[in-house]
Amino acid sequence: MSRNPKSPAPMTTGPIPASIRERSIVLVGLMGSGKSTVGRRLAQRLGMRFADADDEIERAADTSISDIFERFGEAHFRDGERRVIARLLAGKPMVLATGGGAFINDETRALILRDSLCIWLDADIPTLVERVGRRSHRPLLKNRDPGEVLRELAAVRNPIYAEAHLRVSSASTPHDHTVRAILEALSKWEDPQWKA
């Protein structure tokens, strides 16, 4: 018997340890992996605040990310991105969705790994291509084939994303399935460094 893909998967998660809510949860992964959508829903389920690093960067710079890339270049953007993420992680614990390149920066990655629980949302290339095709605001895709760009990025970035504390598949199923998978992973998460 096949299940309707839109019907909710049975909830199999145990209770989420209280220590999970004591520091921010940061979602990393390639563009199209669902970090913002999944992050909002995860924050709601955990009763935590949600922030999207890209939105916060645009607010701080008072301009779009595409404009920052075009006018100042990627290095300038990454520096601003690192500063914004550091500010957010210094505040009250939240669920934070980052841009696809944030975790690739050595300083930003060290900060995220030190000050948060980091989750890599991993998705296959066809799923990512289908998702990024819905929006046209991504500077790295400008005038290029999305599949080619994403394959190139995955080859370089996936080994770095693998440094995240947890890896959860963000498959071509409803985002709520990914949220459930994260909650299940969190219910089993133990890190001796987090214990007092």
N, C-alpha and C. Protein backbone atom coordinates (compact mmCIF):
# COMPACT_ATOMS: atom_id res chain seq x y z
N MET A 1 0.85 -1.18 0.00
CA MET A 1 0.00 0.00 0.00
C MET A 1 0.89 1.24 0.00
N SER A 2 0.68 2.12 -0.95
CA SER A 2 1.51 3.33 -1.01
C SER A 2 0.83 4.46 -0.27
N ARG A 3 1.62 5.24 0.37
CA ARG A 3 1.08 6.35 1.13
C ARG A 3 1.05 7.61 0.28
N ASN A 4 0.03 8.42 0.46
CA ASN A 4 -0.06 9.71 -0.21
C ASN A 4 1.15 10.54 0.22
N PRO A 5 1.98 11.03 -0.75
CA PRO A 5 3.19 11.76 -0.36
C PRO A 5 2.92 13.02 0.44
N LYS A 6 1.69 13.55 0.37
CA LYS A 6 1.39 14.77 1.12
C LYS A 6 0.90 14.46 2.53
N SER A 7 0.60 13.19 2.80
CA SER A 7 0.12 12.87 4.15
C SER A 7 1.30 12.87 5.11
N PRO A 8 1.05 13.27 6.36
CA PRO A 8 2.17 13.38 7.30
C PRO A 8 2.75 12.01 7.61
N ALA A 9 4.06 11.97 7.73
CA ALA A 9 4.72 10.74 8.16
C ALA A 9 4.46 10.56 9.65
N PRO A 10 4.39 9.31 10.12
CA PRO A 10 4.16 9.12 11.55
C PRO A 10 5.29 9.75 12.37
N MET A 11 4.92 10.31 13.49
CA MET A 11 5.91 10.96 14.34
C MET A 11 6.61 9.90 15.16
N THR A 12 7.92 9.76 14.97
CA THR A 12 8.67 8.73 15.68
C THR A 12 9.74 9.34 16.58
N THR A 13 9.71 10.65 16.73
CA THR A 13 10.77 11.29 17.51
C THR A 13 10.48 11.18 18.99
N GLY A 14 11.55 11.10 19.75
CA GLY A 14 11.42 11.15 21.19
C GLY A 14 11.44 12.60 21.63
N PRO A 15 11.46 12.84 22.94
CA PRO A 15 11.51 14.22 23.42
C PRO A 15 12.84 14.87 23.02
N ILE A 16 12.77 16.15 22.73
CA ILE A 16 13.98 16.90 22.37
C ILE A 16 14.68 17.32 23.66
N PRO A 17 15.96 16.98 23.82
CA PRO A 17 16.67 17.38 25.04
C PRO A 17 16.63 18.89 25.23
N ALA A 18 16.44 19.31 26.47
CA ALA A 18 16.35 20.75 26.77
C ALA A 18 17.62 21.48 26.32
N SER A 19 18.77 20.78 26.38
CA SER A 19 20.04 21.42 26.01
C SER A 19 20.06 21.86 24.55
N ILE A 20 19.21 21.24 23.70
CA ILE A 20 19.15 21.61 22.28
C ILE A 20 18.74 23.07 22.14
N ARG A 21 17.85 23.53 23.02
CA ARG A 21 17.34 24.91 22.91
C ARG A 21 18.25 25.93 23.57
N GLU A 22 19.38 25.48 24.12
CA GLU A 22 20.27 26.40 24.83
C GLU A 22 21.25 27.11 23.91
N ARG A 23 21.36 26.67 22.68
CA ARG A 23 22.19 27.37 21.70
C ARG A 23 21.49 27.32 20.35
N SER A 24 21.92 28.14 19.45
CA SER A 24 21.26 28.22 18.14
C SER A 24 21.47 26.95 17.33
N ILE A 25 20.52 26.68 16.45
CA ILE A 25 20.62 25.61 15.47
C ILE A 25 20.82 26.28 14.12
N VAL A 26 21.92 25.95 13.45
CA VAL A 26 22.24 26.59 12.17
C VAL A 26 22.12 25.57 11.05
N LEU A 27 21.35 25.92 10.02
CA LEU A 27 21.17 25.05 8.86
C LEU A 27 22.12 25.49 7.75
N VAL A 28 22.88 24.52 7.22
CA VAL A 28 23.80 24.80 6.12
C VAL A 28 23.49 23.83 4.98
N GLY A 29 23.97 24.17 3.78
CA GLY A 29 23.75 23.32 2.62
C GLY A 29 23.66 24.16 1.36
N LEU A 30 23.62 23.47 0.24
CA LEU A 30 23.57 24.16 -1.06
C LEU A 30 22.27 24.93 -1.23
N MET A 31 22.29 25.90 -2.12
CA MET A 31 21.06 26.62 -2.47
C MET A 31 20.02 25.61 -2.94
N GLY A 32 18.79 25.80 -2.49
CA GLY A 32 17.72 24.89 -2.87
C GLY A 32 17.53 23.71 -1.93
N SER A 33 18.37 23.61 -0.90
CA SER A 33 18.24 22.47 0.02
C SER A 33 17.09 22.66 1.01
N GLY A 34 16.50 23.86 1.03
CA GLY A 34 15.32 24.09 1.87
C GLY A 34 15.61 24.72 3.21
N LYS A 35 16.78 25.34 3.36
CA LYS A 35 17.18 25.87 4.66
C LYS A 35 16.17 26.87 5.23
N SER A 36 15.70 27.79 4.42
CA SER A 36 14.79 28.83 4.92
C SER A 36 13.42 28.26 5.25
N THR A 37 12.85 27.49 4.34
CA THR A 37 11.51 26.93 4.56
C THR A 37 11.52 25.94 5.71
N VAL A 38 12.48 25.03 5.69
CA VAL A 38 12.59 24.04 6.77
C VAL A 38 12.90 24.74 8.09
N GLY A 39 13.79 25.73 8.04
CA GLY A 39 14.17 26.45 9.25
C GLY A 39 12.99 27.12 9.94
N ARG A 40 12.13 27.76 9.15
CA ARG A 40 10.94 28.41 9.72
C ARG A 40 10.06 27.39 10.44
N ARG A 41 9.84 26.26 9.78
CA ARG A 41 8.96 25.23 10.37
C ARG A 41 9.61 24.58 11.58
N LEU A 42 10.92 24.36 11.51
CA LEU A 42 11.63 23.77 12.64
C LEU A 42 11.57 24.70 13.85
N ALA A 43 11.80 25.99 13.62
CA ALA A 43 11.75 26.97 14.71
C ALA A 43 10.37 26.96 15.37
N GLN A 44 9.34 26.87 14.56
CA GLN A 44 7.98 26.85 15.09
C GLN A 44 7.77 25.61 15.97
N ARG A 45 8.25 24.47 15.49
CA ARG A 45 8.09 23.22 16.25
C ARG A 45 8.86 23.26 17.57
N LEU A 46 10.01 23.92 17.57
CA LEU A 46 10.85 23.97 18.77
C LEU A 46 10.53 25.16 19.67
N GLY A 47 9.65 26.06 19.20
CA GLY A 47 9.34 27.26 19.99
C GLY A 47 10.51 28.21 20.06
N MET A 48 11.29 28.27 18.98
CA MET A 48 12.46 29.15 18.92
C MET A 48 12.23 30.23 17.85
N ARG A 49 13.00 31.29 17.95
CA ARG A 49 12.96 32.34 16.93
C ARG A 49 13.65 31.84 15.68
N PHE A 50 13.22 32.35 14.52
CA PHE A 50 13.86 31.99 13.25
C PHE A 50 14.48 33.24 12.63
N ALA A 51 15.65 33.08 12.00
CA ALA A 51 16.24 34.15 11.22
C ALA A 51 16.86 33.56 9.97
N ASP A 52 16.81 34.32 8.89
CA ASP A 52 17.45 33.95 7.63
C ASP A 52 18.64 34.89 7.47
N ALA A 53 19.85 34.33 7.44
CA ALA A 53 21.05 35.17 7.38
C ALA A 53 21.04 36.10 6.18
N ASP A 54 20.57 35.61 5.03
CA ASP A 54 20.54 36.46 3.83
C ASP A 54 19.62 37.67 4.04
N ASP A 55 18.46 37.45 4.65
CA ASP A 55 17.54 38.57 4.93
C ASP A 55 18.20 39.57 5.88
N GLU A 56 18.89 39.04 6.89
CA GLU A 56 19.55 39.92 7.86
C GLU A 56 20.69 40.72 7.21
N ILE A 57 21.40 40.10 6.28
CA ILE A 57 22.48 40.80 5.57
C ILE A 57 21.89 41.92 4.72
N GLU A 58 20.82 41.63 4.01
CA GLU A 58 20.17 42.65 3.18
C GLU A 58 19.66 43.81 4.03
N ARG A 59 19.12 43.48 5.20
CA ARG A 59 18.62 44.53 6.09
C ARG A 59 19.78 45.40 6.58
N ALA A 60 20.88 44.75 6.97
CA ALA A 60 22.04 45.49 7.49
C ALA A 60 22.67 46.36 6.41
N ALA A 61 22.71 45.85 5.18
CA ALA A 61 23.36 46.59 4.08
C ALA A 61 22.39 47.53 3.38
N ASP A 62 21.10 47.37 3.66
CA ASP A 62 20.05 48.16 3.01
C ASP A 62 20.10 48.02 1.48
N THR A 63 20.43 46.81 1.03
CA THR A 63 20.43 46.52 -0.41
C THR A 63 20.36 45.01 -0.60
N SER A 64 20.15 44.55 -1.82
CA SER A 64 20.02 43.12 -2.07
C SER A 64 21.38 42.43 -2.14
N ILE A 65 21.37 41.13 -1.91
CA ILE A 65 22.60 40.34 -2.00
C ILE A 65 23.15 40.41 -3.42
N SER A 66 22.28 40.32 -4.42
CA SER A 66 22.72 40.42 -5.81
C SER A 66 23.46 41.73 -6.04
N ASP A 67 22.95 42.81 -5.45
CA ASP A 67 23.58 44.12 -5.61
C ASP A 67 24.94 44.17 -4.91
N ILE A 68 25.02 43.55 -3.73
CA ILE A 68 26.30 43.52 -3.01
C ILE A 68 27.35 42.77 -3.84
N PHE A 69 26.95 41.61 -4.38
CA PHE A 69 27.86 40.83 -5.22
C PHE A 69 28.33 41.66 -6.42
N GLU A 70 27.36 42.31 -7.07
CA GLU A 70 27.67 43.05 -8.30
C GLU A 70 28.56 44.26 -8.03
N ARG A 71 28.27 44.99 -6.97
CA ARG A 71 29.00 46.24 -6.70
C ARG A 71 30.32 46.03 -5.96
N PHE A 72 30.36 45.04 -5.06
CA PHE A 72 31.53 44.92 -4.19
C PHE A 72 32.27 43.59 -4.31
N GLY A 73 31.65 42.58 -4.92
CA GLY A 73 32.29 41.28 -5.07
C GLY A 73 31.98 40.31 -3.94
N GLU A 74 32.30 39.04 -4.18
CA GLU A 74 31.95 37.99 -3.22
C GLU A 74 32.74 38.12 -1.92
N ALA A 75 34.01 38.51 -1.98
CA ALA A 75 34.83 38.60 -0.76
C ALA A 75 34.22 39.60 0.23
N HIS A 76 33.76 40.74 -0.29
CA HIS A 76 33.13 41.76 0.56
C HIS A 76 31.84 41.19 1.17
N PHE A 77 31.07 40.48 0.35
CA PHE A 77 29.82 39.89 0.84
C PHE A 77 30.11 38.89 1.96
N ARG A 78 31.11 38.02 1.75
CA ARG A 78 31.42 36.98 2.76
C ARG A 78 31.86 37.60 4.08
N ASP A 79 32.58 38.72 4.04
CA ASP A 79 33.00 39.39 5.26
C ASP A 79 31.78 39.91 6.02
N GLY A 80 30.87 40.54 5.29
CA GLY A 80 29.64 41.04 5.92
C GLY A 80 28.79 39.90 6.45
N GLU A 81 28.74 38.82 5.70
CA GLU A 81 27.97 37.63 6.10
C GLU A 81 28.50 37.08 7.42
N ARG A 82 29.83 36.97 7.53
CA ARG A 82 30.45 36.46 8.76
C ARG A 82 30.09 37.33 9.96
N ARG A 83 30.15 38.66 9.77
CA ARG A 83 29.84 39.57 10.87
C ARG A 83 28.37 39.47 11.30
N VAL A 84 27.48 39.35 10.33
CA VAL A 84 26.05 39.24 10.65
C VAL A 84 25.78 37.93 11.39
N ILE A 85 26.37 36.83 10.93
CA ILE A 85 26.15 35.54 11.58
C ILE A 85 26.71 35.56 13.00
N ALA A 86 27.88 36.17 13.19
CA ALA A 86 28.47 36.28 14.53
C ALA A 86 27.53 37.05 15.46
N ARG A 87 26.96 38.14 14.96
CA ARG A 87 26.02 38.94 15.77
C ARG A 87 24.79 38.12 16.15
N LEU A 88 24.25 37.39 15.18
CA LEU A 88 23.04 36.59 15.44
C LEU A 88 23.31 35.48 16.44
N LEU A 89 24.46 34.81 16.31
CA LEU A 89 24.77 33.71 17.21
C LEU A 89 25.12 34.19 18.63
N ALA A 90 25.47 35.46 18.75
CA ALA A 90 25.77 36.02 20.08
C ALA A 90 24.50 36.34 20.85
N GLY A 91 23.36 36.35 20.16
CA GLY A 91 22.09 36.68 20.80
C GLY A 91 21.37 35.46 21.33
N LYS A 92 20.08 35.62 21.55
CA LYS A 92 19.23 34.55 22.08
C LYS A 92 19.20 33.38 21.10
N PRO A 93 19.22 32.12 21.60
CA PRO A 93 19.21 30.97 20.70
C PRO A 93 18.05 31.02 19.70
N MET A 94 18.35 30.61 18.49
CA MET A 94 17.38 30.65 17.39
C MET A 94 17.70 29.54 16.41
N VAL A 95 16.82 29.38 15.43
CA VAL A 95 17.11 28.56 14.26
C VAL A 95 17.53 29.53 13.17
N LEU A 96 18.73 29.32 12.61
CA LEU A 96 19.29 30.24 11.63
C LEU A 96 19.55 29.52 10.32
N ALA A 97 18.95 30.01 9.25
CA ALA A 97 19.23 29.50 7.90
C ALA A 97 20.33 30.36 7.31
N THR A 98 21.37 29.73 6.78
CA THR A 98 22.49 30.47 6.20
C THR A 98 22.47 30.35 4.68
N GLY A 99 23.16 31.26 4.01
CA GLY A 99 23.35 31.15 2.57
C GLY A 99 24.26 29.96 2.27
N GLY A 100 24.19 29.45 1.04
CA GLY A 100 24.93 28.25 0.68
C GLY A 100 26.43 28.35 0.86
N GLY A 101 27.01 29.55 0.73
CA GLY A 101 28.45 29.70 0.83
C GLY A 101 28.96 30.06 2.21
N ALA A 102 28.07 30.33 3.15
CA ALA A 102 28.50 30.82 4.47
C ALA A 102 29.44 29.84 5.16
N PHE A 103 29.09 28.57 5.17
CA PHE A 103 29.84 27.56 5.91
C PHE A 103 31.18 27.25 5.25
N ILE A 104 31.36 27.70 4.01
CA ILE A 104 32.60 27.42 3.28
C ILE A 104 33.72 28.35 3.77
N ASN A 105 33.35 29.53 4.24
CA ASN A 105 34.32 30.47 4.79
C ASN A 105 34.89 29.90 6.09
N ASP A 106 36.22 29.81 6.19
CA ASP A 106 36.85 29.17 7.35
C ASP A 106 36.44 29.80 8.67
N GLU A 107 36.45 31.13 8.73
CA GLU A 107 36.12 31.82 9.99
C GLU A 107 34.66 31.62 10.36
N THR A 108 33.77 31.73 9.37
CA THR A 108 32.34 31.56 9.63
C THR A 108 32.06 30.13 10.07
N ARG A 109 32.70 29.16 9.40
CA ARG A 109 32.49 27.75 9.76
C ARG A 109 32.94 27.48 11.20
N ALA A 110 34.12 27.99 11.56
CA ALA A 110 34.62 27.79 12.93
C ALA A 110 33.66 28.39 13.96
N LEU A 111 33.13 29.55 13.65
CA LEU A 111 32.18 30.23 14.53
C LEU A 111 30.90 29.39 14.69
N ILE A 112 30.36 28.91 13.57
CA ILE A 112 29.13 28.12 13.60
C ILE A 112 29.34 26.82 14.38
N LEU A 113 30.45 26.14 14.12
CA LEU A 113 30.71 24.87 14.80
C LEU A 113 30.94 25.06 16.30
N ARG A 114 31.50 26.20 16.67
CA ARG A 114 31.77 26.47 18.08
C ARG A 114 30.52 26.92 18.84
N ASP A 115 29.70 27.75 18.20
CA ASP A 115 28.62 28.43 18.93
C ASP A 115 27.23 27.92 18.64
N SER A 116 27.08 26.86 17.85
CA SER A 116 25.74 26.38 17.52
C SER A 116 25.76 24.87 17.29
N LEU A 117 24.58 24.32 17.11
CA LEU A 117 24.44 22.96 16.60
C LEU A 117 24.18 23.11 15.11
N CYS A 118 25.06 22.58 14.30
CA CYS A 118 25.02 22.79 12.86
C CYS A 118 24.45 21.56 12.15
N ILE A 119 23.47 21.78 11.29
CA ILE A 119 22.83 20.69 10.55
C ILE A 119 22.99 20.93 9.06
N TRP A 120 23.54 19.96 8.37
CA TRP A 120 23.67 20.00 6.91
C TRP A 120 22.42 19.41 6.29
N LEU A 121 21.68 20.22 5.54
CA LEU A 121 20.56 19.72 4.75
C LEU A 121 21.11 19.31 3.39
N ASP A 122 21.14 18.03 3.15
CA ASP A 122 21.75 17.47 1.94
C ASP A 122 20.64 17.03 0.98
N ALA A 123 20.74 17.47 -0.26
CA ALA A 123 19.75 17.09 -1.28
C ALA A 123 20.48 16.74 -2.57
N ASP A 124 19.84 15.88 -3.37
CA ASP A 124 20.47 15.49 -4.64
C ASP A 124 20.32 16.62 -5.67
N ILE A 125 21.15 16.57 -6.69
CA ILE A 125 21.20 17.65 -7.69
C ILE A 125 19.86 17.86 -8.40
N PRO A 126 19.16 16.80 -8.88
CA PRO A 126 17.87 17.05 -9.53
C PRO A 126 16.87 17.78 -8.64
N THR A 127 16.84 17.44 -7.35
CA THR A 127 15.94 18.13 -6.42
C THR A 127 16.34 19.60 -6.29
N LEU A 128 17.64 19.86 -6.16
CA LEU A 128 18.12 21.25 -6.04
C LEU A 128 17.80 22.05 -7.30
N VAL A 129 18.01 21.45 -8.47
CA VAL A 129 17.74 22.15 -9.74
C VAL A 129 16.27 22.51 -9.82
N GLU A 130 15.41 21.57 -9.46
CA GLU A 130 13.96 21.83 -9.51
C GLU A 130 13.58 22.97 -8.57
N ARG A 131 14.18 23.00 -7.40
CA ARG A 131 13.84 24.03 -6.41
C ARG A 131 14.40 25.40 -6.79
N VAL A 132 15.65 25.47 -7.24
CA VAL A 132 16.22 26.79 -7.55
C VAL A 132 15.58 27.39 -8.80
N GLY A 133 14.98 26.54 -9.64
CA GLY A 133 14.31 27.04 -10.84
C GLY A 133 13.09 27.88 -10.54
N ARG A 134 12.60 27.81 -9.29
CA ARG A 134 11.40 28.56 -8.92
C ARG A 134 11.69 30.03 -8.64
N ARG A 135 12.96 30.36 -8.42
CA ARG A 135 13.32 31.75 -8.11
C ARG A 135 14.55 32.13 -8.92
N SER A 136 14.66 33.42 -9.23
CA SER A 136 15.75 33.84 -10.13
C SER A 136 16.69 34.88 -9.50
N HIS A 137 16.77 34.88 -8.17
CA HIS A 137 17.52 35.93 -7.48
C HIS A 137 18.94 35.51 -7.11
N ARG A 138 19.39 34.34 -7.51
CA ARG A 138 20.66 33.80 -7.00
C ARG A 138 21.84 34.25 -7.85
N PRO A 139 22.77 35.03 -7.28
CA PRO A 139 23.88 35.59 -8.06
C PRO A 139 24.75 34.53 -8.74
N LEU A 140 24.97 33.39 -8.07
CA LEU A 140 25.87 32.38 -8.63
C LEU A 140 25.27 31.66 -9.83
N LEU A 141 23.96 31.81 -10.04
CA LEU A 141 23.30 31.14 -11.18
C LEU A 141 23.11 32.06 -12.37
N LYS A 142 23.50 33.31 -12.23
CA LYS A 142 23.25 34.30 -13.28
C LYS A 142 23.89 33.86 -14.60
N ASN A 143 23.06 33.72 -15.63
CA ASN A 143 23.50 33.36 -17.00
C ASN A 143 24.23 32.02 -17.07
N ARG A 144 23.91 31.11 -16.17
CA ARG A 144 24.55 29.79 -16.20
C ARG A 144 23.51 28.68 -16.03
N ASP A 145 23.87 27.48 -16.43
CA ASP A 145 23.00 26.32 -16.28
C ASP A 145 22.98 25.90 -14.80
N PRO A 146 21.80 25.87 -14.15
CA PRO A 146 21.74 25.56 -12.71
C PRO A 146 22.33 24.19 -12.37
N GLY A 147 22.06 23.19 -13.19
CA GLY A 147 22.59 21.86 -12.91
C GLY A 147 24.10 21.84 -12.91
N GLU A 148 24.69 22.51 -13.87
CA GLU A 148 26.16 22.57 -13.97
C GLU A 148 26.75 23.28 -12.75
N VAL A 149 26.15 24.42 -12.41
CA VAL A 149 26.64 25.19 -11.26
C VAL A 149 26.53 24.36 -9.98
N LEU A 150 25.38 23.72 -9.79
CA LEU A 150 25.16 22.97 -8.56
C LEU A 150 26.08 21.76 -8.45
N ARG A 151 26.35 21.10 -9.58
CA ARG A 151 27.30 19.98 -9.55
C ARG A 151 28.70 20.47 -9.17
N GLU A 152 29.10 21.60 -9.73
CA GLU A 152 30.41 22.18 -9.39
C GLU A 152 30.47 22.55 -7.91
N LEU A 153 29.43 23.20 -7.43
CA LEU A 153 29.40 23.61 -6.03
C LEU A 153 29.40 22.40 -5.10
N ALA A 154 28.62 21.37 -5.45
CA ALA A 154 28.54 20.17 -4.60
C ALA A 154 29.90 19.50 -4.49
N ALA A 155 30.64 19.45 -5.59
CA ALA A 155 31.96 18.80 -5.57
C ALA A 155 32.90 19.50 -4.59
N VAL A 156 32.81 20.82 -4.54
CA VAL A 156 33.69 21.60 -3.65
C VAL A 156 33.14 21.67 -2.23
N ARG A 157 31.84 21.91 -2.11
CA ARG A 157 31.26 22.24 -0.81
C ARG A 157 30.82 21.04 0.03
N ASN A 158 30.36 19.96 -0.60
CA ASN A 158 29.83 18.85 0.20
C ASN A 158 30.83 18.29 1.21
N PRO A 159 32.12 18.14 0.85
CA PRO A 159 33.07 17.67 1.86
C PRO A 159 33.20 18.64 3.05
N ILE A 160 32.95 19.91 2.81
CA ILE A 160 33.01 20.91 3.89
C ILE A 160 31.72 20.87 4.70
N TYR A 161 30.57 20.77 4.02
CA TYR A 161 29.30 20.63 4.75
C TYR A 161 29.33 19.41 5.65
N ALA A 162 30.08 18.38 5.25
CA ALA A 162 30.16 17.14 6.04
C ALA A 162 30.76 17.36 7.43
N GLU A 163 31.36 18.53 7.66
CA GLU A 163 31.88 18.85 8.99
C GLU A 163 30.78 19.24 9.98
N ALA A 164 29.56 19.45 9.48
CA ALA A 164 28.44 19.81 10.35
C ALA A 164 28.22 18.72 11.40
N HIS A 165 27.61 19.09 12.52
CA HIS A 165 27.36 18.13 13.60
C HIS A 165 26.40 17.02 13.16
N LEU A 166 25.39 17.38 12.37
CA LEU A 166 24.40 16.42 11.90
C LEU A 166 24.18 16.59 10.40
N ARG A 167 23.81 15.50 9.74
CA ARG A 167 23.46 15.54 8.31
C ARG A 167 22.07 14.94 8.16
N VAL A 168 21.18 15.69 7.52
CA VAL A 168 19.81 15.25 7.30
C VAL A 168 19.49 15.39 5.82
N SER A 169 18.88 14.37 5.25
CA SER A 169 18.51 14.41 3.84
C SER A 169 17.30 15.32 3.65
N SER A 170 17.41 16.21 2.67
CA SER A 170 16.29 17.08 2.28
C SER A 170 15.84 16.61 0.90
N ALA A 171 15.07 15.54 0.88
CA ALA A 171 14.69 14.90 -0.38
C ALA A 171 13.55 15.65 -1.05
N SER A 172 13.14 15.15 -2.20
CA SER A 172 12.06 15.80 -2.96
C SER A 172 10.71 15.40 -2.40
N THR A 173 10.58 15.44 -1.10
CA THR A 173 9.33 15.17 -0.39
C THR A 173 8.93 16.49 0.28
N PRO A 174 7.71 16.57 0.80
CA PRO A 174 7.32 17.82 1.48
C PRO A 174 8.32 18.19 2.58
N HIS A 175 8.51 19.49 2.76
CA HIS A 175 9.49 19.97 3.73
C HIS A 175 9.20 19.47 5.14
N ASP A 176 7.92 19.19 5.45
CA ASP A 176 7.60 18.70 6.79
C ASP A 176 8.28 17.37 7.08
N HIS A 177 8.54 16.57 6.04
CA HIS A 177 9.26 15.30 6.23
C HIS A 177 10.69 15.59 6.69
N THR A 178 11.29 16.62 6.11
CA THR A 178 12.65 17.00 6.52
C THR A 178 12.65 17.51 7.95
N VAL A 179 11.64 18.29 8.32
CA VAL A 179 11.54 18.79 9.70
C VAL A 179 11.44 17.61 10.66
N ARG A 180 10.63 16.62 10.32
CA ARG A 180 10.50 15.44 11.18
C ARG A 180 11.83 14.70 11.30
N ALA A 181 12.54 14.60 10.18
CA ALA A 181 13.84 13.92 10.21
C ALA A 181 14.83 14.67 11.12
N ILE A 182 14.78 16.01 11.07
CA ILE A 182 15.65 16.81 11.95
C ILE A 182 15.27 16.59 13.41
N LEU A 183 13.96 16.62 13.70
CA LEU A 183 13.51 16.43 15.08
C LEU A 183 13.92 15.05 15.60
N GLU A 184 13.85 14.05 14.73
CA GLU A 184 14.28 12.71 15.13
C GLU A 184 15.78 12.69 15.44
N ALA A 185 16.57 13.34 14.57
CA ALA A 185 18.01 13.41 14.80
C ALA A 185 18.32 14.17 16.10
N LEU A 186 17.59 15.26 16.34
CA LEU A 186 17.81 16.05 17.56
C LEU A 186 17.46 15.26 18.81
N SER A 187 16.43 14.41 18.72
CA SER A 187 16.00 13.64 19.90
C SER A 187 17.07 12.64 20.32
N LYS A 188 17.97 12.29 19.38
CA LYS A 188 19.04 11.32 19.68
C LYS A 188 20.40 12.00 19.86
N TRP A 189 20.44 13.31 19.67
CA TRP A 189 21.72 14.03 19.65
C TRP A 189 22.35 14.06 21.04
N GLU A 190 23.61 13.69 21.10
CA GLU A 190 24.38 13.80 22.33
C GLU A 190 25.76 14.29 21.98
N ASP A 191 26.19 15.31 22.67
CA ASP A 191 27.55 15.82 22.48
C ASP A 191 28.11 16.08 23.87
N PRO A 192 29.13 15.32 24.26
CA PRO A 192 29.67 15.51 25.61
C PRO A 192 30.14 16.93 25.88
N GLN A 193 30.52 17.68 24.85
CA GLN A 193 30.98 19.05 25.07
C GLN A 193 29.85 19.96 25.53
N TRP A 194 28.61 19.55 25.28
CA TRP A 194 27.47 20.40 25.66
C TRP A 194 27.07 20.20 27.10
N LYS A 195 27.56 19.11 27.72
CA LYS A 195 27.11 18.80 29.08
C LYS A 195 27.91 19.61 30.09
N ALA A 196 27.21 20.11 31.08
CA ALA A 196 27.87 20.95 32.09
C ALA A 196 28.77 20.10 32.98
